[in-house]
Protein backbone atom coordinates (compact mmCIF):
# COMPACT_ATOMS: atom_id res chain seq x y z
CA MET A 1 257.18 212.36 -42.36
CA THR A 2 255.81 210.89 -45.53
CA GLU A 3 257.31 208.68 -48.17
CA ASN A 4 255.42 208.37 -51.44
CA GLY A 5 252.39 209.74 -49.70
CA VAL A 6 252.42 207.12 -46.91
CA HIS A 7 252.57 208.21 -43.25
CA THR A 8 255.63 206.60 -41.59
CA ASP A 9 255.84 208.48 -38.28
CA PRO A 10 256.35 205.67 -35.70
CA ALA A 11 254.70 207.68 -32.93
CA ALA A 12 251.62 208.37 -35.04
CA LEU A 13 251.38 204.73 -36.01
CA ASP A 14 251.56 203.74 -32.33
CA ASP A 15 248.77 206.20 -31.54
CA LEU A 16 246.60 204.77 -34.31
CA THR A 17 247.26 201.22 -33.15
CA ASP A 18 246.40 202.12 -29.57
CA ALA A 19 243.19 203.86 -30.66
CA ALA A 20 242.18 200.86 -32.75
CA SER A 21 242.76 198.51 -29.83
CA HIS A 22 240.37 200.53 -27.70
CA THR A 23 237.67 200.62 -30.37
CA HIS A 24 235.07 197.94 -29.77
CA SER A 25 232.14 196.98 -31.92
CA GLY A 26 229.13 195.80 -30.02
CA VAL A 27 228.40 192.12 -30.44
CA GLY A 28 224.95 190.60 -30.12
CA ALA A 29 224.03 187.35 -28.41
CA ASP A 30 224.37 185.46 -31.70
CA GLY A 31 227.91 186.78 -32.27
CA ALA A 32 226.91 189.25 -34.98
CA VAL A 33 227.84 192.92 -34.90
CA ALA A 34 225.32 194.96 -32.96
CA GLY A 35 222.65 196.35 -35.25
CA TYR A 36 222.98 193.61 -37.85
CA ARG A 37 219.67 191.99 -38.76
CA ALA A 38 219.64 189.15 -41.28
CA ARG A 39 216.04 189.88 -42.19
CA ARG A 40 217.07 193.30 -43.50
CA THR A 41 219.34 191.78 -46.11
CA LEU A 42 218.12 190.95 -49.63
CA ARG A 43 214.53 192.06 -49.05
CA LEU A 44 211.95 190.29 -51.18
CA GLY A 45 210.71 193.54 -52.74
CA VAL A 46 214.23 194.41 -53.85
CA GLU A 47 214.78 190.99 -55.42
CA LEU A 48 211.40 191.11 -57.18
CA ARG A 49 212.07 194.54 -58.66
CA ARG A 50 215.48 193.34 -59.77
CA GLN A 51 213.99 190.29 -61.49
CA LEU A 52 211.18 192.30 -63.11
CA ARG A 53 213.73 194.63 -64.69
CA ARG A 54 215.46 191.70 -66.39
CA ARG A 55 214.74 191.26 -70.10
CA ARG A 56 214.20 187.53 -69.56
CA THR A 57 211.25 188.16 -67.23
CA GLN A 58 209.71 190.77 -69.48
CA LEU A 59 209.94 188.52 -72.55
CA VAL A 60 208.40 185.54 -70.75
CA LEU A 61 205.46 187.53 -69.39
CA GLY A 62 205.01 189.26 -72.73
CA PHE A 63 204.93 185.98 -74.62
CA VAL A 64 202.40 184.52 -72.17
CA VAL A 65 200.12 187.48 -72.85
CA LEU A 66 200.62 187.19 -76.61
CA LEU A 67 200.14 183.41 -76.90
CA PRO A 68 196.29 183.35 -76.62
CA PHE A 69 196.01 185.87 -79.46
CA ILE A 70 198.42 183.81 -81.57
CA LEU A 71 196.09 180.86 -81.06
CA VAL A 72 193.10 182.98 -82.05
CA VAL A 73 194.85 184.02 -85.27
CA ALA A 74 195.72 180.38 -85.97
CA PHE A 75 192.06 179.39 -85.73
CA GLU A 76 190.99 182.35 -87.85
CA ILE A 77 193.31 181.55 -90.74
CA GLY A 78 192.90 177.78 -90.37
CA GLN A 79 189.96 175.50 -90.85
CA SER A 80 188.05 174.97 -87.61
CA SER A 81 185.75 172.04 -87.01
CA PRO A 82 182.32 172.53 -88.66
CA ASN A 83 180.69 171.14 -85.51
CA ARG A 84 182.00 173.28 -82.66
CA ARG A 85 180.45 171.09 -79.97
CA SER A 86 182.05 167.76 -80.84
CA GLY A 87 185.53 166.31 -81.20
CA GLY A 88 188.67 166.68 -79.09
CA PHE A 89 189.92 169.66 -77.11
CA VAL A 90 191.37 171.29 -80.24
CA ASP A 91 188.10 170.92 -82.16
CA LEU A 92 186.15 172.29 -79.20
CA ALA A 93 188.43 175.30 -78.64
CA THR A 94 186.18 177.77 -80.46
CA ALA A 95 182.96 176.56 -78.83
CA SER A 96 183.25 179.04 -75.95
CA ALA A 97 185.69 181.06 -73.87
CA PRO A 98 186.12 178.28 -71.26
CA ASN A 99 186.97 175.80 -74.01
CA PHE A 100 189.54 178.20 -75.39
CA VAL A 101 191.19 178.40 -71.96
CA VAL A 102 191.26 174.60 -71.80
CA LEU A 103 193.02 174.51 -75.16
CA ALA A 104 195.62 177.09 -74.06
CA LEU A 105 196.47 175.04 -70.97
CA PHE A 106 196.46 171.82 -72.98
CA VAL A 107 198.86 172.91 -75.74
CA SER A 108 201.25 174.69 -73.39
CA GLY A 109 201.37 172.05 -70.67
CA THR A 110 203.80 169.74 -72.45
CA PHE A 111 206.72 172.10 -73.01
CA LEU A 112 205.99 175.80 -72.47
CA LEU A 113 204.82 175.79 -68.85
CA PRO A 114 207.62 173.49 -67.56
CA THR A 115 210.12 175.68 -69.42
CA ILE A 116 208.78 178.86 -67.80
CA VAL A 117 209.05 177.37 -64.32
CA ALA A 118 212.52 175.94 -65.04
CA LEU A 119 213.67 179.30 -66.41
CA PHE A 120 212.75 181.22 -63.26
CA PHE A 121 214.10 178.67 -60.77
CA GLY A 122 217.11 177.45 -62.72
CA ASP A 123 218.38 181.00 -62.99
CA THR A 124 218.36 181.71 -59.24
CA ILE A 125 221.81 180.80 -57.90
CA ALA A 126 223.54 179.79 -61.12
CA SER A 127 223.14 183.25 -62.66
CA GLU A 128 224.70 184.93 -59.63
CA ALA A 129 227.60 182.47 -59.83
CA SER A 130 228.07 183.08 -63.55
CA TRP A 131 228.12 186.85 -62.95
CA SER A 132 230.66 186.36 -60.11
CA SER A 133 228.30 188.25 -57.78
CA LEU A 134 227.34 185.35 -55.52
CA LYS A 135 230.31 185.74 -53.19
CA TYR A 136 229.58 189.45 -52.80
CA LEU A 137 225.97 188.75 -51.81
CA LEU A 138 227.21 186.36 -49.14
CA ALA A 139 229.78 188.90 -47.99
CA ILE A 140 227.14 191.60 -47.34
CA PRO A 141 226.55 189.30 -45.35
CA VAL A 142 223.36 187.54 -46.46
CA PRO A 143 222.92 184.16 -44.71
CA ARG A 144 222.98 181.32 -47.21
CA HIS A 145 219.60 179.93 -46.21
CA ARG A 146 218.05 183.39 -46.56
CA LEU A 147 219.67 183.98 -49.94
CA LEU A 148 218.32 180.70 -51.29
CA ARG A 149 214.89 181.26 -49.76
CA GLN A 150 214.46 184.84 -50.99
CA LYS A 151 215.48 183.95 -54.51
CA ALA A 152 213.24 180.87 -54.53
CA VAL A 153 210.25 182.88 -53.26
CA ALA A 154 210.82 185.62 -55.86
CA SER A 155 211.11 183.00 -58.61
CA GLY A 156 207.99 181.27 -57.33
CA LEU A 157 205.95 184.47 -57.40
CA LEU A 158 207.05 185.24 -60.96
CA ALA A 159 206.36 181.68 -62.11
CA VAL A 160 202.89 181.70 -60.52
CA ALA A 161 202.20 185.08 -62.13
CA ALA A 162 203.04 183.66 -65.55
CA LEU A 163 201.02 180.48 -65.00
CA VAL A 164 197.98 182.47 -63.85
CA LEU A 165 198.37 185.07 -66.57
CA LEU A 166 198.00 182.50 -69.36
CA PRO A 167 194.46 181.25 -68.52
CA LEU A 168 193.39 184.75 -67.48
CA VAL A 169 194.37 186.34 -70.79
CA SER A 170 193.01 183.30 -72.65
CA LEU A 171 189.66 183.80 -70.95
CA VAL A 172 189.55 187.46 -71.97
CA ALA A 173 190.51 186.58 -75.56
CA GLY A 174 187.93 183.78 -75.59
CA LEU A 175 185.17 186.09 -74.39
CA ILE A 176 186.05 188.61 -77.08
CA PHE A 177 186.18 186.21 -79.99
CA TYR A 178 184.00 183.24 -78.96
CA GLY A 179 181.73 184.56 -76.24
CA ALA A 180 180.61 183.11 -72.92
CA GLY A 181 179.10 179.66 -73.05
CA ASP A 182 179.16 176.17 -71.65
CA ALA A 183 182.43 174.31 -71.33
CA VAL A 184 182.04 171.21 -73.49
CA SER A 185 184.19 168.14 -72.88
CA PRO A 186 185.15 165.54 -75.53
CA THR A 187 182.78 163.12 -73.79
CA GLY A 188 179.86 165.45 -74.47
CA ASP A 189 179.43 166.85 -70.95
CA ALA A 190 178.38 170.50 -70.90
CA ILE A 191 179.24 172.63 -67.86
CA PRO A 192 177.52 176.01 -67.32
CA PHE A 193 179.70 179.09 -67.72
CA GLY A 194 179.73 179.97 -64.00
CA ARG A 195 180.74 176.49 -62.92
CA SER A 196 183.31 176.30 -65.70
CA LEU A 197 185.08 179.37 -64.27
CA VAL A 198 185.43 177.56 -60.94
CA ALA A 199 186.74 174.49 -62.76
CA LEU A 200 189.29 176.60 -64.65
CA ALA A 201 190.44 178.27 -61.43
CA LEU A 202 190.95 174.87 -59.80
CA SER A 203 192.72 173.65 -62.94
CA THR A 204 195.15 176.57 -62.72
CA VAL A 205 195.86 175.80 -59.07
CA PHE A 206 196.50 172.18 -59.99
CA VAL A 207 198.91 173.15 -62.77
CA VAL A 208 200.82 175.49 -60.43
CA VAL A 209 201.22 172.84 -57.71
CA GLN A 210 201.93 170.03 -60.16
CA LEU A 211 204.83 171.97 -61.70
CA ALA A 212 206.41 172.42 -58.26
CA TRP A 213 208.57 169.37 -58.97
CA VAL A 214 210.11 171.22 -61.94
CA ALA A 215 210.79 174.20 -59.67
CA GLY A 216 212.48 172.02 -57.07
CA LEU A 217 214.63 170.23 -59.64
CA ALA A 218 215.64 173.46 -61.38
CA LEU A 219 216.57 174.98 -58.00
CA LEU A 220 218.71 171.95 -57.18
CA LEU A 221 220.49 172.11 -60.55
CA SER A 222 221.00 175.86 -60.11
CA VAL A 223 222.88 175.14 -56.89
CA LEU A 224 224.93 172.37 -58.45
CA THR A 225 226.13 174.31 -61.50
CA ASP A 226 227.41 177.77 -62.36
CA ALA A 227 225.73 177.68 -65.79
CA PRO A 228 222.12 178.98 -65.78
CA LEU A 229 221.34 177.38 -69.14
CA GLY A 230 222.56 174.05 -67.78
CA ALA A 231 220.17 174.23 -64.84
CA VAL A 232 217.23 175.34 -66.97
CA GLY A 233 217.97 172.84 -69.72
CA GLY A 234 218.45 169.99 -67.26
CA ALA A 235 215.03 170.55 -65.69
CA VAL A 236 213.33 170.84 -69.10
CA LEU A 237 215.04 167.69 -70.38
CA ALA A 238 213.93 165.83 -67.26
CA ALA A 239 210.33 166.88 -67.93
CA ILE A 240 210.57 165.79 -71.57
CA LEU A 241 212.16 162.47 -70.62
CA SER A 242 209.43 161.80 -68.07
CA GLN A 243 206.77 162.49 -70.70
CA ILE A 244 208.47 160.13 -73.17
CA LEU A 245 208.73 157.34 -70.61
CA ASP A 246 205.10 157.88 -69.69
CA GLN A 247 204.13 156.90 -73.25
CA ILE A 248 205.82 153.49 -72.92
CA THR A 249 202.96 151.25 -71.80
CA ALA A 250 205.37 148.36 -71.24
CA LEU A 251 206.44 150.10 -68.01
CA GLY A 252 203.00 149.36 -66.58
CA THR A 253 202.35 150.75 -63.11
CA LEU A 254 205.89 152.14 -62.92
CA ARG A 255 204.61 155.07 -64.97
CA ASN A 256 202.54 156.14 -61.97
CA TYR A 257 205.75 157.22 -60.25
CA LEU A 258 206.82 159.53 -63.06
CA PRO A 259 206.41 163.22 -62.10
CA THR A 260 204.53 164.01 -65.30
CA HIS A 261 202.14 161.03 -65.25
CA TYR A 262 199.30 163.07 -63.73
CA ALA A 263 200.19 166.37 -65.41
CA TYR A 264 196.82 166.52 -67.18
CA GLY A 265 194.74 165.38 -64.22
CA TRP A 266 193.05 168.79 -64.23
CA MET A 267 191.08 167.73 -67.31
CA ASP A 268 188.85 165.63 -65.06
CA LEU A 269 187.39 168.91 -63.82
CA ILE A 270 185.72 169.48 -67.19
CA ALA A 271 183.00 166.94 -66.50
CA THR A 272 179.62 166.78 -64.82
CA ASP A 273 180.80 163.96 -62.55
CA ILE A 274 184.31 164.79 -61.34
CA ASP A 275 186.80 162.04 -60.50
CA TRP A 276 189.34 163.45 -58.03
CA THR A 277 191.63 160.40 -57.99
CA ASN A 278 194.15 161.50 -60.62
CA MET A 279 194.29 165.05 -59.31
CA ALA A 280 194.94 163.92 -55.75
CA ALA A 281 197.67 161.53 -56.90
CA GLY A 282 199.20 164.22 -59.09
CA LEU A 283 199.31 166.78 -56.28
CA LEU A 284 200.81 164.29 -53.84
CA SER A 285 203.46 163.20 -56.34
CA ALA A 286 204.44 166.79 -57.16
CA VAL A 287 204.69 167.82 -53.50
CA ILE A 288 206.90 164.83 -52.65
CA TYR A 289 209.25 165.42 -55.58
CA ALA A 290 209.41 169.17 -54.92
CA THR A 291 210.13 168.66 -51.21
CA VAL A 292 212.95 166.20 -51.86
CA PHE A 293 214.59 168.36 -54.53
CA THR A 294 214.29 171.54 -52.44
CA LEU A 295 215.78 169.91 -49.33
CA LEU A 296 218.68 168.58 -51.39
CA ALA A 297 219.22 172.05 -52.86
CA ALA A 298 219.24 173.66 -49.39
CA ARG A 299 221.66 171.07 -48.03
CA ARG A 300 224.03 171.39 -50.99
CA PHE A 301 224.01 175.18 -50.94
CA ALA A 302 224.70 175.26 -47.20
CA THR A 303 228.01 173.43 -47.71
CA LYS A 304 228.94 174.61 -51.21
CA ASP A 305 232.36 176.18 -51.68
CA ILE A 306 231.57 179.59 -53.17
CA THR A 307 234.38 180.69 -55.45
CA SER A 308 232.54 183.03 -57.80
């Protein structure tokens, strides 16, 4: 019989219990249910499409595309240097397309580029926690190490896309408004257009790798907090603090250990005789910092009590 729509027949309940006891789910060698494959959960393509649909991603990529043209307008309405082949990087910006790319990387390297990287990586785990969706992702079940890895890889691809998009669009804008020409350095060195493109490509690679420390720190903070803005802001503040400390000459050689000390090492590429010392030191420093921060993030996330 039924009571309030609930089946209460003892015999039927016994039959159901007996049937359930004879129902077995296959179990694999690793203890998981047969057919379960961790690599099928949270596929990278799915995560990338999800991130690309977010307004945050669209605004960042859109601003990166727009920035070079904002700089062009600024030079058009302002007063540029009468001698386009002398002065600092700002004065030389309109000398040629390569010089315009150098300016775009130079003015954005202090704040904009670290913020972009921090935004993508600081939003990985913290945003899921703030939306109370993290526990459901783990209940799918997605292994914790895979969840962190897939989100970090997706964030890395988006960050690299933004960092590459800036010099690429700047080059196109420079060719349109200033034409192809030699890349001129403040020291007076002139590099042919073809070689300058190689130098700019290497400079972009250097910037991407050098900012890996920001990515690692933002990922660590994203694991430690449930507030995405806290993780992003913490990584950006760390970058700003490092740049401030780097200006204090009283620190002497201690400044060499700051993660931002070699941030502009790529400028050595705009020369006829390239000195690789600063670039090598900058890459090594960034890789060490990024590795330490990422390992700490992985260890913390593996033992974190997920409540949201």
